Amino acid sequence: MEPQDRIKAQLMDARDLDRTLNRMAQQIVELIDPAAPGGASADQFALIGMQTRGVHLARRLQARIRAIEGIDLDLGVLDATMYRDDFRVRMKHPVVRATHIPFDVSRRHLVLVDDVLYTGRTARSALDALMDLGRPATVHFLVIVDRGLRELPITADFVGRRVPTIPGEEVRVRLREIDDREGVWLVETARPQAPGRVPL
């Protein structure tokens, strides 16, 4: 957390996050049923982790699905920064990370993984990026937290927790792979103190 931010509540600890990922892994496994109407086999499914924390969440889900069912799903990494509709307006020095999807997305059933769903703009940009790579059969969207305040008609198919927020609040997911802690927090962000200061 930034020192200027105030933690209002811890929404999930490490054990809560672990249980949530186990449940979501099982939900994904339930999609893989070649005998069901419109069903598909495991080799037609893949996970796509959105940079940055979505990548680590997708890797954890991949490992859990392997442990639950012995199914080894393909996994790709997606950065959709350049596809954002506010790219030129708000991002003066954007950080563009790697996209690595080592398989053809066409006719695949994809599960797009991110940490938090907010305005819907990041998810929309990710869909645009995927469509430039091919034509998936389906795209399911999975998030750990849906915090509301949507600006676009985007919904998640798999949601760990719904946490209604108000302007000035953020939901922060922290993962041991890249952060100094593990869990989910509701944070009140610091307000700018002087003209020209950029909010964190």
N, C-alpha and C. Protein backbone atom coordinates (compact mmCIF):
# COMPACT_ATOMS: atom_id res chain seq x y z
N MET A 1 0.83 -1.19 0.00
CA MET A 1 0.00 0.00 0.00
C MET A 1 0.88 1.25 0.00
N GLU A 2 0.35 2.30 -0.58
CA GLU A 2 1.07 3.57 -0.53
C GLU A 2 0.90 4.18 0.86
N PRO A 3 1.93 4.87 1.38
CA PRO A 3 1.84 5.41 2.73
C PRO A 3 0.72 6.42 2.91
N GLN A 4 0.31 7.09 1.81
CA GLN A 4 -0.74 8.10 1.92
C GLN A 4 -2.14 7.47 1.97
N ASP A 5 -2.25 6.21 1.62
CA ASP A 5 -3.55 5.56 1.56
C ASP A 5 -3.96 5.02 2.93
N ARG A 6 -5.27 4.97 3.16
CA ARG A 6 -5.78 4.48 4.44
C ARG A 6 -6.54 3.17 4.20
N ILE A 7 -6.11 2.12 4.89
CA ILE A 7 -6.79 0.83 4.79
C ILE A 7 -8.11 0.91 5.56
N LYS A 8 -9.21 0.66 4.86
CA LYS A 8 -10.52 0.68 5.50
C LYS A 8 -10.92 -0.71 5.99
N ALA A 9 -10.51 -1.74 5.26
CA ALA A 9 -10.87 -3.10 5.65
C ALA A 9 -10.01 -4.09 4.90
N GLN A 10 -9.71 -5.21 5.55
CA GLN A 10 -9.12 -6.33 4.83
C GLN A 10 -10.27 -7.23 4.41
N LEU A 11 -10.42 -7.41 3.11
CA LEU A 11 -11.54 -8.16 2.55
C LEU A 11 -11.26 -9.65 2.50
N MET A 12 -10.01 -10.01 2.25
CA MET A 12 -9.62 -11.41 2.16
C MET A 12 -8.20 -11.56 2.68
N ASP A 13 -7.96 -12.60 3.46
CA ASP A 13 -6.58 -12.91 3.83
C ASP A 13 -6.07 -14.02 2.91
N ALA A 14 -4.89 -14.51 3.19
CA ALA A 14 -4.28 -15.51 2.31
C ALA A 14 -5.13 -16.78 2.22
N ARG A 15 -5.71 -17.19 3.35
CA ARG A 15 -6.54 -18.41 3.34
C ARG A 15 -7.82 -18.18 2.55
N ASP A 16 -8.43 -17.00 2.69
CA ASP A 16 -9.63 -16.69 1.91
C ASP A 16 -9.33 -16.72 0.41
N LEU A 17 -8.21 -16.13 0.04
CA LEU A 17 -7.82 -16.09 -1.37
C LEU A 17 -7.57 -17.50 -1.89
N ASP A 18 -6.95 -18.33 -1.08
CA ASP A 18 -6.68 -19.70 -1.47
C ASP A 18 -7.97 -20.48 -1.69
N ARG A 19 -8.93 -20.33 -0.77
CA ARG A 19 -10.22 -21.01 -0.90
C ARG A 19 -10.97 -20.53 -2.14
N THR A 20 -10.89 -19.22 -2.38
CA THR A 20 -11.58 -18.65 -3.54
C THR A 20 -11.01 -19.21 -4.83
N LEU A 21 -9.70 -19.30 -4.93
CA LEU A 21 -9.07 -19.85 -6.13
C LEU A 21 -9.41 -21.33 -6.31
N ASN A 22 -9.49 -22.07 -5.22
CA ASN A 22 -9.88 -23.48 -5.32
C ASN A 22 -11.29 -23.61 -5.89
N ARG A 23 -12.20 -22.75 -5.39
CA ARG A 23 -13.59 -22.79 -5.89
C ARG A 23 -13.65 -22.42 -7.37
N MET A 24 -12.90 -21.40 -7.74
CA MET A 24 -12.92 -20.96 -9.14
C MET A 24 -12.29 -21.99 -10.07
N ALA A 25 -11.26 -22.66 -9.60
CA ALA A 25 -10.66 -23.74 -10.40
C ALA A 25 -11.69 -24.83 -10.66
N GLN A 26 -12.48 -25.17 -9.65
CA GLN A 26 -13.52 -26.18 -9.83
C GLN A 26 -14.58 -25.71 -10.82
N GLN A 27 -14.92 -24.42 -10.77
CA GLN A 27 -15.91 -23.88 -11.71
C GLN A 27 -15.41 -23.97 -13.15
N ILE A 28 -14.14 -23.73 -13.34
CA ILE A 28 -13.57 -23.85 -14.69
C ILE A 28 -13.60 -25.30 -15.15
N VAL A 29 -13.25 -26.21 -14.25
CA VAL A 29 -13.26 -27.65 -14.60
C VAL A 29 -14.66 -28.07 -15.05
N GLU A 30 -15.69 -27.51 -14.41
CA GLU A 30 -17.07 -27.88 -14.77
C GLU A 30 -17.43 -27.47 -16.19
N LEU A 31 -16.71 -26.50 -16.75
CA LEU A 31 -16.95 -26.12 -18.15
C LEU A 31 -16.43 -27.17 -19.13
N ILE A 32 -15.45 -27.92 -18.68
CA ILE A 32 -14.77 -28.87 -19.57
C ILE A 32 -15.53 -30.18 -19.58
N ASP A 33 -16.46 -30.30 -20.51
CA ASP A 33 -17.29 -31.50 -20.59
C ASP A 33 -17.65 -31.75 -22.05
N PRO A 34 -16.89 -32.57 -22.75
CA PRO A 34 -17.16 -32.81 -24.17
C PRO A 34 -18.54 -33.40 -24.44
N ALA A 35 -19.13 -34.08 -23.42
CA ALA A 35 -20.43 -34.72 -23.62
C ALA A 35 -21.59 -33.75 -23.49
N ALA A 36 -21.36 -32.59 -22.87
CA ALA A 36 -22.44 -31.62 -22.67
C ALA A 36 -22.73 -30.88 -23.97
N PRO A 37 -23.98 -30.40 -24.14
CA PRO A 37 -24.31 -29.59 -25.33
C PRO A 37 -23.39 -28.37 -25.41
N GLY A 38 -22.69 -28.23 -26.51
CA GLY A 38 -21.76 -27.11 -26.65
C GLY A 38 -20.48 -27.29 -25.85
N GLY A 39 -20.31 -28.46 -25.22
CA GLY A 39 -19.13 -28.71 -24.41
C GLY A 39 -17.89 -28.90 -25.26
N ALA A 40 -16.75 -28.88 -24.60
CA ALA A 40 -15.48 -29.00 -25.31
C ALA A 40 -14.49 -29.76 -24.45
N SER A 41 -13.49 -30.31 -25.07
CA SER A 41 -12.46 -31.06 -24.36
C SER A 41 -11.41 -30.11 -23.79
N ALA A 42 -10.59 -30.62 -22.90
CA ALA A 42 -9.61 -29.79 -22.20
C ALA A 42 -8.63 -29.13 -23.16
N ASP A 43 -8.27 -29.82 -24.25
CA ASP A 43 -7.29 -29.23 -25.16
C ASP A 43 -7.87 -28.08 -25.98
N GLN A 44 -9.17 -27.84 -25.85
CA GLN A 44 -9.79 -26.70 -26.52
C GLN A 44 -9.93 -25.50 -25.58
N PHE A 45 -9.55 -25.67 -24.31
CA PHE A 45 -9.62 -24.60 -23.32
C PHE A 45 -8.23 -24.02 -23.07
N ALA A 46 -8.18 -22.78 -22.62
CA ALA A 46 -6.91 -22.16 -22.22
C ALA A 46 -7.19 -21.02 -21.26
N LEU A 47 -6.22 -20.73 -20.43
CA LEU A 47 -6.26 -19.60 -19.51
C LEU A 47 -5.43 -18.46 -20.08
N ILE A 48 -5.93 -17.23 -19.96
CA ILE A 48 -5.18 -16.04 -20.38
C ILE A 48 -5.09 -15.11 -19.18
N GLY A 49 -3.88 -14.95 -18.65
CA GLY A 49 -3.67 -14.05 -17.52
C GLY A 49 -3.35 -12.65 -17.98
N MET A 50 -4.07 -11.66 -17.45
CA MET A 50 -3.84 -10.26 -17.82
C MET A 50 -2.75 -9.68 -16.93
N GLN A 51 -1.79 -9.02 -17.56
CA GLN A 51 -0.72 -8.39 -16.80
C GLN A 51 -1.28 -7.37 -15.81
N THR A 52 -0.82 -7.33 -14.55
CA THR A 52 0.26 -8.14 -14.03
C THR A 52 -0.26 -9.25 -13.12
N ARG A 53 -1.13 -8.90 -12.19
CA ARG A 53 -1.55 -9.89 -11.20
C ARG A 53 -2.42 -10.99 -11.78
N GLY A 54 -3.12 -10.69 -12.86
CA GLY A 54 -3.90 -11.73 -13.51
C GLY A 54 -3.05 -12.89 -14.00
N VAL A 55 -1.80 -12.60 -14.35
CA VAL A 55 -0.89 -13.65 -14.81
C VAL A 55 -0.61 -14.64 -13.67
N HIS A 56 -0.31 -14.11 -12.50
CA HIS A 56 -0.01 -14.98 -11.35
C HIS A 56 -1.25 -15.74 -10.90
N LEU A 57 -2.41 -15.10 -10.97
CA LEU A 57 -3.66 -15.79 -10.62
C LEU A 57 -3.94 -16.91 -11.61
N ALA A 58 -3.71 -16.66 -12.89
CA ALA A 58 -3.93 -17.70 -13.91
C ALA A 58 -2.99 -18.88 -13.69
N ARG A 59 -1.75 -18.61 -13.32
CA ARG A 59 -0.81 -19.70 -13.05
C ARG A 59 -1.25 -20.53 -11.85
N ARG A 60 -1.77 -19.87 -10.83
CA ARG A 60 -2.27 -20.61 -9.67
C ARG A 60 -3.47 -21.46 -10.06
N LEU A 61 -4.37 -20.90 -10.86
CA LEU A 61 -5.52 -21.67 -11.31
C LEU A 61 -5.09 -22.87 -12.15
N GLN A 62 -4.12 -22.66 -13.02
CA GLN A 62 -3.61 -23.75 -13.85
C GLN A 62 -3.10 -24.89 -12.96
N ALA A 63 -2.35 -24.53 -11.91
CA ALA A 63 -1.79 -25.55 -11.01
C ALA A 63 -2.89 -26.27 -10.24
N ARG A 64 -3.92 -25.54 -9.81
CA ARG A 64 -5.01 -26.17 -9.07
C ARG A 64 -5.82 -27.11 -9.97
N ILE A 65 -6.07 -26.70 -11.20
CA ILE A 65 -6.82 -27.55 -12.12
C ILE A 65 -6.03 -28.83 -12.43
N ARG A 66 -4.72 -28.69 -12.54
CA ARG A 66 -3.88 -29.87 -12.73
C ARG A 66 -3.99 -30.80 -11.53
N ALA A 67 -4.02 -30.22 -10.32
CA ALA A 67 -4.11 -31.03 -9.10
C ALA A 67 -5.49 -31.66 -8.93
N ILE A 68 -6.56 -30.93 -9.29
CA ILE A 68 -7.92 -31.44 -9.11
C ILE A 68 -8.24 -32.56 -10.08
N GLU A 69 -7.94 -32.34 -11.35
CA GLU A 69 -8.41 -33.25 -12.40
C GLU A 69 -7.29 -33.86 -13.25
N GLY A 70 -6.06 -33.46 -13.01
CA GLY A 70 -4.99 -33.94 -13.86
C GLY A 70 -5.02 -33.32 -15.25
N ILE A 71 -5.72 -32.17 -15.37
CA ILE A 71 -5.85 -31.48 -16.65
C ILE A 71 -4.81 -30.37 -16.71
N ASP A 72 -4.03 -30.33 -17.77
CA ASP A 72 -3.00 -29.31 -17.91
C ASP A 72 -3.43 -28.33 -19.01
N LEU A 73 -4.06 -27.25 -18.60
CA LEU A 73 -4.56 -26.26 -19.56
C LEU A 73 -3.42 -25.39 -20.07
N ASP A 74 -3.50 -25.03 -21.35
CA ASP A 74 -2.57 -24.04 -21.90
C ASP A 74 -2.76 -22.71 -21.19
N LEU A 75 -1.68 -21.95 -21.13
CA LEU A 75 -1.74 -20.65 -20.45
C LEU A 75 -1.02 -19.60 -21.29
N GLY A 76 -1.66 -18.45 -21.44
CA GLY A 76 -1.07 -17.33 -22.15
C GLY A 76 -1.03 -16.10 -21.27
N VAL A 77 -0.20 -15.14 -21.65
CA VAL A 77 -0.02 -13.88 -20.92
C VAL A 77 -0.38 -12.74 -21.86
N LEU A 78 -1.24 -11.83 -21.37
CA LEU A 78 -1.72 -10.74 -22.23
C LEU A 78 -1.52 -9.39 -21.57
N ASP A 79 -0.94 -8.45 -22.32
CA ASP A 79 -0.91 -7.05 -21.90
C ASP A 79 -1.74 -6.26 -22.92
N ALA A 80 -2.77 -5.57 -22.43
CA ALA A 80 -3.68 -4.86 -23.32
C ALA A 80 -3.53 -3.35 -23.22
N THR A 81 -2.41 -2.88 -22.67
CA THR A 81 -2.22 -1.45 -22.45
C THR A 81 -2.43 -0.64 -23.72
N MET A 82 -1.87 -1.08 -24.82
CA MET A 82 -1.94 -0.31 -26.06
C MET A 82 -3.33 -0.30 -26.67
N TYR A 83 -4.22 -1.14 -26.15
CA TYR A 83 -5.59 -1.20 -26.67
C TYR A 83 -6.57 -0.37 -25.84
N ARG A 84 -6.09 0.22 -24.75
CA ARG A 84 -7.01 0.99 -23.90
C ARG A 84 -7.48 2.25 -24.62
N ASP A 85 -8.76 2.58 -24.41
CA ASP A 85 -9.30 3.76 -25.09
C ASP A 85 -8.81 5.06 -24.46
N ASP A 86 -8.22 4.97 -23.27
CA ASP A 86 -7.65 6.18 -22.64
C ASP A 86 -6.13 6.19 -22.72
N PHE A 87 -5.58 5.37 -23.61
CA PHE A 87 -4.12 5.22 -23.71
C PHE A 87 -3.43 6.56 -23.95
N ARG A 88 -3.91 7.34 -24.92
CA ARG A 88 -3.25 8.60 -25.27
C ARG A 88 -3.67 9.75 -24.35
N VAL A 89 -4.80 9.58 -23.66
CA VAL A 89 -5.32 10.67 -22.84
C VAL A 89 -4.69 10.68 -21.45
N ARG A 90 -4.63 9.49 -20.80
CA ARG A 90 -4.21 9.43 -19.40
C ARG A 90 -2.82 8.87 -19.20
N MET A 91 -2.33 8.09 -20.14
CA MET A 91 -1.08 7.37 -19.92
C MET A 91 0.07 8.05 -20.66
N LYS A 92 0.72 8.99 -19.99
CA LYS A 92 1.82 9.71 -20.63
C LYS A 92 3.06 8.84 -20.77
N HIS A 93 3.30 7.96 -19.80
CA HIS A 93 4.45 7.06 -19.85
C HIS A 93 3.97 5.65 -19.51
N PRO A 94 3.24 5.03 -20.43
CA PRO A 94 2.67 3.71 -20.12
C PRO A 94 3.76 2.65 -19.97
N VAL A 95 3.50 1.72 -19.07
CA VAL A 95 4.38 0.55 -18.92
C VAL A 95 3.75 -0.58 -19.72
N VAL A 96 4.39 -0.97 -20.78
CA VAL A 96 3.89 -2.05 -21.62
C VAL A 96 4.67 -3.32 -21.30
N ARG A 97 3.94 -4.34 -20.87
CA ARG A 97 4.58 -5.60 -20.49
C ARG A 97 4.37 -6.64 -21.59
N ALA A 98 4.95 -7.78 -21.37
CA ALA A 98 4.97 -8.81 -22.42
C ALA A 98 3.60 -9.42 -22.65
N THR A 99 3.31 -9.71 -23.90
CA THR A 99 2.22 -10.60 -24.28
C THR A 99 2.85 -11.86 -24.85
N HIS A 100 2.45 -13.00 -24.31
CA HIS A 100 3.01 -14.28 -24.80
C HIS A 100 1.89 -15.31 -24.79
N ILE A 101 1.34 -15.57 -25.95
CA ILE A 101 0.29 -16.58 -26.09
C ILE A 101 0.79 -17.59 -27.12
N PRO A 102 1.38 -18.68 -26.65
CA PRO A 102 2.06 -19.64 -27.54
C PRO A 102 1.12 -20.66 -28.19
N PHE A 103 -0.09 -20.24 -28.49
CA PHE A 103 -1.04 -21.13 -29.16
C PHE A 103 -2.02 -20.25 -29.94
N ASP A 104 -2.71 -20.86 -30.87
CA ASP A 104 -3.70 -20.16 -31.68
C ASP A 104 -4.98 -20.02 -30.86
N VAL A 105 -5.45 -18.78 -30.67
CA VAL A 105 -6.66 -18.57 -29.87
C VAL A 105 -7.93 -18.88 -30.66
N SER A 106 -7.83 -19.01 -31.97
CA SER A 106 -9.01 -19.27 -32.80
C SER A 106 -9.66 -20.60 -32.42
N ARG A 107 -10.98 -20.53 -32.26
CA ARG A 107 -11.80 -21.71 -31.94
C ARG A 107 -11.48 -22.29 -30.57
N ARG A 108 -10.74 -21.56 -29.76
CA ARG A 108 -10.47 -22.01 -28.39
C ARG A 108 -11.48 -21.39 -27.43
N HIS A 109 -11.70 -22.09 -26.31
CA HIS A 109 -12.52 -21.56 -25.22
C HIS A 109 -11.55 -20.95 -24.20
N LEU A 110 -11.59 -19.64 -24.06
CA LEU A 110 -10.61 -18.93 -23.23
C LEU A 110 -11.23 -18.45 -21.93
N VAL A 111 -10.44 -18.52 -20.86
CA VAL A 111 -10.81 -17.91 -19.59
C VAL A 111 -9.83 -16.78 -19.34
N LEU A 112 -10.32 -15.56 -19.42
CA LEU A 112 -9.52 -14.35 -19.22
C LEU A 112 -9.50 -14.05 -17.73
N VAL A 113 -8.30 -13.91 -17.15
CA VAL A 113 -8.15 -13.81 -15.69
C VAL A 113 -7.56 -12.46 -15.31
N ASP A 114 -8.24 -11.75 -14.38
CA ASP A 114 -7.73 -10.49 -13.86
C ASP A 114 -8.02 -10.43 -12.37
N ASP A 115 -7.41 -9.45 -11.69
CA ASP A 115 -7.62 -9.37 -10.25
C ASP A 115 -8.89 -8.61 -9.88
N VAL A 116 -9.11 -7.42 -10.48
CA VAL A 116 -10.24 -6.57 -10.09
C VAL A 116 -10.98 -6.09 -11.34
N LEU A 117 -12.31 -6.15 -11.29
CA LEU A 117 -13.15 -5.57 -12.34
C LEU A 117 -13.71 -4.26 -11.79
N TYR A 118 -13.47 -3.17 -12.54
CA TYR A 118 -13.90 -1.84 -12.10
C TYR A 118 -14.72 -1.20 -13.21
N THR A 119 -14.15 -0.35 -14.03
CA THR A 119 -14.91 0.35 -15.06
C THR A 119 -15.29 -0.56 -16.23
N GLY A 120 -14.52 -1.60 -16.45
CA GLY A 120 -14.72 -2.48 -17.60
C GLY A 120 -13.82 -2.14 -18.77
N ARG A 121 -13.08 -1.03 -18.68
CA ARG A 121 -12.26 -0.60 -19.81
C ARG A 121 -11.06 -1.52 -20.05
N THR A 122 -10.47 -2.02 -19.00
CA THR A 122 -9.34 -2.95 -19.17
C THR A 122 -9.81 -4.24 -19.81
N ALA A 123 -10.96 -4.75 -19.36
CA ALA A 123 -11.50 -5.98 -19.95
C ALA A 123 -11.84 -5.77 -21.42
N ARG A 124 -12.42 -4.63 -21.76
CA ARG A 124 -12.75 -4.36 -23.16
C ARG A 124 -11.49 -4.32 -24.01
N SER A 125 -10.44 -3.68 -23.49
CA SER A 125 -9.19 -3.61 -24.25
C SER A 125 -8.58 -5.00 -24.42
N ALA A 126 -8.72 -5.85 -23.40
CA ALA A 126 -8.20 -7.22 -23.50
C ALA A 126 -8.96 -8.00 -24.58
N LEU A 127 -10.26 -7.81 -24.67
CA LEU A 127 -11.03 -8.47 -25.71
C LEU A 127 -10.59 -8.01 -27.10
N ASP A 128 -10.36 -6.71 -27.24
CA ASP A 128 -9.87 -6.20 -28.53
C ASP A 128 -8.53 -6.84 -28.89
N ALA A 129 -7.64 -6.95 -27.90
CA ALA A 129 -6.32 -7.55 -28.15
C ALA A 129 -6.47 -9.01 -28.57
N LEU A 130 -7.36 -9.74 -27.91
CA LEU A 130 -7.56 -11.15 -28.25
C LEU A 130 -8.12 -11.30 -29.66
N MET A 131 -9.06 -10.42 -30.02
CA MET A 131 -9.67 -10.52 -31.35
C MET A 131 -8.67 -10.21 -32.46
N ASP A 132 -7.64 -9.45 -32.14
CA ASP A 132 -6.59 -9.21 -33.12
C ASP A 132 -5.72 -10.45 -33.33
N LEU A 133 -5.77 -11.38 -32.37
CA LEU A 133 -4.97 -12.60 -32.46
C LEU A 133 -5.72 -13.76 -33.09
N GLY A 134 -7.04 -13.65 -33.16
CA GLY A 134 -7.83 -14.73 -33.71
C GLY A 134 -9.28 -14.60 -33.31
N ARG A 135 -10.04 -15.65 -33.55
CA ARG A 135 -11.47 -15.65 -33.22
C ARG A 135 -11.77 -16.80 -32.26
N PRO A 136 -11.75 -16.52 -30.95
CA PRO A 136 -12.03 -17.58 -29.98
C PRO A 136 -13.47 -18.08 -30.11
N ALA A 137 -13.69 -19.33 -29.70
CA ALA A 137 -15.04 -19.89 -29.67
C ALA A 137 -15.86 -19.19 -28.60
N THR A 138 -15.27 -19.04 -27.40
CA THR A 138 -15.90 -18.30 -26.30
C THR A 138 -14.80 -17.63 -25.48
N VAL A 139 -15.18 -16.59 -24.76
CA VAL A 139 -14.29 -15.96 -23.79
C VAL A 139 -15.06 -15.80 -22.49
N HIS A 140 -14.60 -16.45 -21.44
CA HIS A 140 -15.16 -16.27 -20.11
C HIS A 140 -14.23 -15.34 -19.33
N PHE A 141 -14.81 -14.55 -18.45
CA PHE A 141 -14.04 -13.56 -17.70
C PHE A 141 -14.09 -13.91 -16.22
N LEU A 142 -12.91 -13.98 -15.60
CA LEU A 142 -12.79 -14.35 -14.18
C LEU A 142 -12.04 -13.26 -13.44
N VAL A 143 -12.61 -12.80 -12.31
CA VAL A 143 -11.95 -11.80 -11.47
C VAL A 143 -12.07 -12.20 -10.01
N ILE A 144 -11.09 -11.80 -9.24
CA ILE A 144 -11.15 -12.05 -7.79
C ILE A 144 -12.18 -11.14 -7.14
N VAL A 145 -12.19 -9.86 -7.53
CA VAL A 145 -13.13 -8.89 -6.94
C VAL A 145 -13.81 -8.08 -8.04
N ASP A 146 -15.13 -7.97 -7.94
CA ASP A 146 -15.90 -7.03 -8.76
C ASP A 146 -16.28 -5.88 -7.83
N ARG A 147 -15.72 -4.69 -8.10
CA ARG A 147 -15.94 -3.56 -7.21
C ARG A 147 -17.01 -2.58 -7.69
N GLY A 148 -17.68 -2.92 -8.81
CA GLY A 148 -18.77 -2.07 -9.29
C GLY A 148 -18.29 -0.79 -9.95
N LEU A 149 -19.17 0.19 -10.05
CA LEU A 149 -18.89 1.50 -10.67
C LEU A 149 -18.49 1.33 -12.13
N ARG A 150 -19.24 0.48 -12.84
CA ARG A 150 -18.92 0.18 -14.23
C ARG A 150 -19.17 1.37 -15.16
N GLU A 151 -18.33 1.55 -16.15
CA GLU A 151 -18.52 2.55 -17.19
C GLU A 151 -18.91 1.92 -18.53
N LEU A 152 -18.66 0.63 -18.68
CA LEU A 152 -18.99 -0.11 -19.90
C LEU A 152 -19.78 -1.36 -19.51
N PRO A 153 -20.60 -1.88 -20.43
CA PRO A 153 -21.44 -3.05 -20.11
C PRO A 153 -20.63 -4.35 -20.13
N ILE A 154 -19.73 -4.47 -19.17
CA ILE A 154 -18.86 -5.65 -19.04
C ILE A 154 -19.22 -6.35 -17.73
N THR A 155 -19.38 -7.66 -17.79
CA THR A 155 -19.62 -8.44 -16.58
C THR A 155 -18.64 -9.61 -16.53
N ALA A 156 -18.43 -10.13 -15.34
CA ALA A 156 -17.55 -11.28 -15.16
C ALA A 156 -18.40 -12.55 -15.00
N ASP A 157 -17.91 -13.64 -15.57
CA ASP A 157 -18.59 -14.92 -15.45
C ASP A 157 -18.28 -15.60 -14.13
N PHE A 158 -17.07 -15.40 -13.63
CA PHE A 158 -16.64 -15.98 -12.36
C PHE A 158 -16.13 -14.85 -11.48
N VAL A 159 -16.73 -14.70 -10.30
CA VAL A 159 -16.37 -13.61 -9.38
C VAL A 159 -16.08 -14.21 -8.01
N GLY A 160 -14.89 -13.88 -7.48
CA GLY A 160 -14.57 -14.33 -6.13
C GLY A 160 -15.40 -13.64 -5.08
N ARG A 161 -15.49 -12.31 -5.19
CA ARG A 161 -16.28 -11.53 -4.23
C ARG A 161 -16.73 -10.22 -4.87
N ARG A 162 -17.97 -9.84 -4.58
CA ARG A 162 -18.48 -8.55 -5.03
C ARG A 162 -18.38 -7.56 -3.88
N VAL A 163 -17.71 -6.43 -4.14
CA VAL A 163 -17.47 -5.43 -3.10
C VAL A 163 -17.87 -4.06 -3.65
N PRO A 164 -19.10 -3.61 -3.40
CA PRO A 164 -19.49 -2.29 -3.89
C PRO A 164 -18.58 -1.21 -3.29
N THR A 165 -18.09 -0.32 -4.14
CA THR A 165 -17.22 0.75 -3.68
C THR A 165 -17.81 2.10 -4.07
N ILE A 166 -17.26 3.16 -3.51
CA ILE A 166 -17.65 4.52 -3.84
C ILE A 166 -16.42 5.25 -4.37
N PRO A 167 -16.61 6.36 -5.09
CA PRO A 167 -15.44 7.12 -5.56
C PRO A 167 -14.50 7.44 -4.41
N GLY A 168 -13.21 7.30 -4.66
CA GLY A 168 -12.21 7.52 -3.62
C GLY A 168 -11.77 6.25 -2.92
N GLU A 169 -12.45 5.15 -3.23
CA GLU A 169 -12.06 3.85 -2.69
C GLU A 169 -11.47 2.99 -3.80
N GLU A 170 -10.53 2.13 -3.43
CA GLU A 170 -9.96 1.16 -4.36
C GLU A 170 -9.88 -0.18 -3.68
N VAL A 171 -9.89 -1.22 -4.49
CA VAL A 171 -9.64 -2.57 -3.99
C VAL A 171 -8.26 -2.97 -4.45
N ARG A 172 -7.41 -3.35 -3.52
CA ARG A 172 -6.04 -3.75 -3.83
C ARG A 172 -5.86 -5.23 -3.56
N VAL A 173 -5.51 -5.96 -4.61
CA VAL A 173 -5.15 -7.38 -4.48
C VAL A 173 -3.63 -7.45 -4.43
N ARG A 174 -3.12 -8.15 -3.43
CA ARG A 174 -1.68 -8.32 -3.29
C ARG A 174 -1.36 -9.81 -3.27
N LEU A 175 -0.33 -10.18 -4.05
CA LEU A 175 0.05 -11.58 -4.21
C LEU A 175 1.50 -11.79 -3.85
N ARG A 176 1.80 -12.91 -3.25
CA ARG A 176 3.15 -13.16 -2.75
C ARG A 176 4.20 -13.19 -3.86
N GLU A 177 3.80 -13.50 -5.09
CA GLU A 177 4.77 -13.57 -6.17
C GLU A 177 5.43 -12.23 -6.46
N ILE A 178 4.71 -11.13 -6.25
CA ILE A 178 5.27 -9.82 -6.61
C ILE A 178 5.11 -8.77 -5.51
N ASP A 179 4.39 -9.08 -4.46
CA ASP A 179 4.14 -8.10 -3.39
C ASP A 179 4.72 -8.58 -2.07
N ASP A 180 4.67 -7.69 -1.09
CA ASP A 180 5.21 -8.04 0.22
C ASP A 180 4.14 -8.63 1.13
N ARG A 181 2.98 -8.91 0.60
CA ARG A 181 1.89 -9.47 1.39
C ARG A 181 0.92 -10.21 0.49
N GLU A 182 -0.04 -10.90 1.11
CA GLU A 182 -1.02 -11.71 0.37
C GLU A 182 -2.40 -11.42 0.92
N GLY A 183 -3.31 -11.00 0.04
CA GLY A 183 -4.67 -10.73 0.47
C GLY A 183 -5.31 -9.65 -0.37
N VAL A 184 -6.48 -9.22 0.09
CA VAL A 184 -7.25 -8.18 -0.61
C VAL A 184 -7.69 -7.14 0.41
N TRP A 185 -7.48 -5.87 0.05
CA TRP A 185 -7.81 -4.77 0.95
C TRP A 185 -8.69 -3.73 0.27
N LEU A 186 -9.58 -3.11 1.06
CA LEU A 186 -10.33 -1.94 0.62
C LEU A 186 -9.59 -0.72 1.15
N VAL A 187 -9.23 0.18 0.24
CA VAL A 187 -8.36 1.30 0.58
C VAL A 187 -9.02 2.62 0.20
N GLU A 188 -8.90 3.60 1.08
CA GLU A 188 -9.29 4.97 0.75
C GLU A 188 -8.05 5.66 0.22
N THR A 189 -8.11 6.11 -1.04
CA THR A 189 -6.93 6.69 -1.66
C THR A 189 -6.73 8.12 -1.22
N ALA A 190 -5.45 8.54 -1.24
CA ALA A 190 -5.11 9.90 -0.84
C ALA A 190 -5.59 10.89 -1.89
N ARG A 191 -6.06 12.05 -1.45
CA ARG A 191 -6.47 13.10 -2.37
C ARG A 191 -5.27 13.99 -2.72
N PRO A 192 -5.24 14.57 -3.90
CA PRO A 192 -4.15 15.49 -4.23
C PRO A 192 -4.11 16.65 -3.24
N GLN A 193 -2.90 17.00 -2.80
CA GLN A 193 -2.73 18.06 -1.82
C GLN A 193 -2.41 19.42 -2.46
N ALA A 194 -1.97 19.37 -3.69
CA ALA A 194 -1.57 20.62 -4.34
C ALA A 194 -1.85 20.52 -5.83
N PRO A 195 -2.09 21.66 -6.51
CA PRO A 195 -2.34 21.60 -7.94
C PRO A 195 -1.19 20.92 -8.68
N GLY A 196 -1.56 20.06 -9.63
CA GLY A 196 -0.56 19.39 -10.43
C GLY A 196 -0.09 18.07 -9.87
N ARG A 197 -0.44 17.77 -8.61
CA ARG A 197 -0.04 16.46 -8.06
C ARG A 197 -0.89 15.36 -8.68
N VAL A 198 -0.25 14.27 -9.03
CA VAL A 198 -0.95 13.15 -9.65
C VAL A 198 -1.41 12.19 -8.57
N PRO A 199 -2.71 11.87 -8.51
CA PRO A 199 -3.18 10.91 -7.51
C PRO A 199 -2.51 9.55 -7.69
N LEU A 200 -2.24 8.84 -6.60
CA LEU A 200 -1.58 7.54 -6.65
C LEU A 200 -2.58 6.46 -6.96
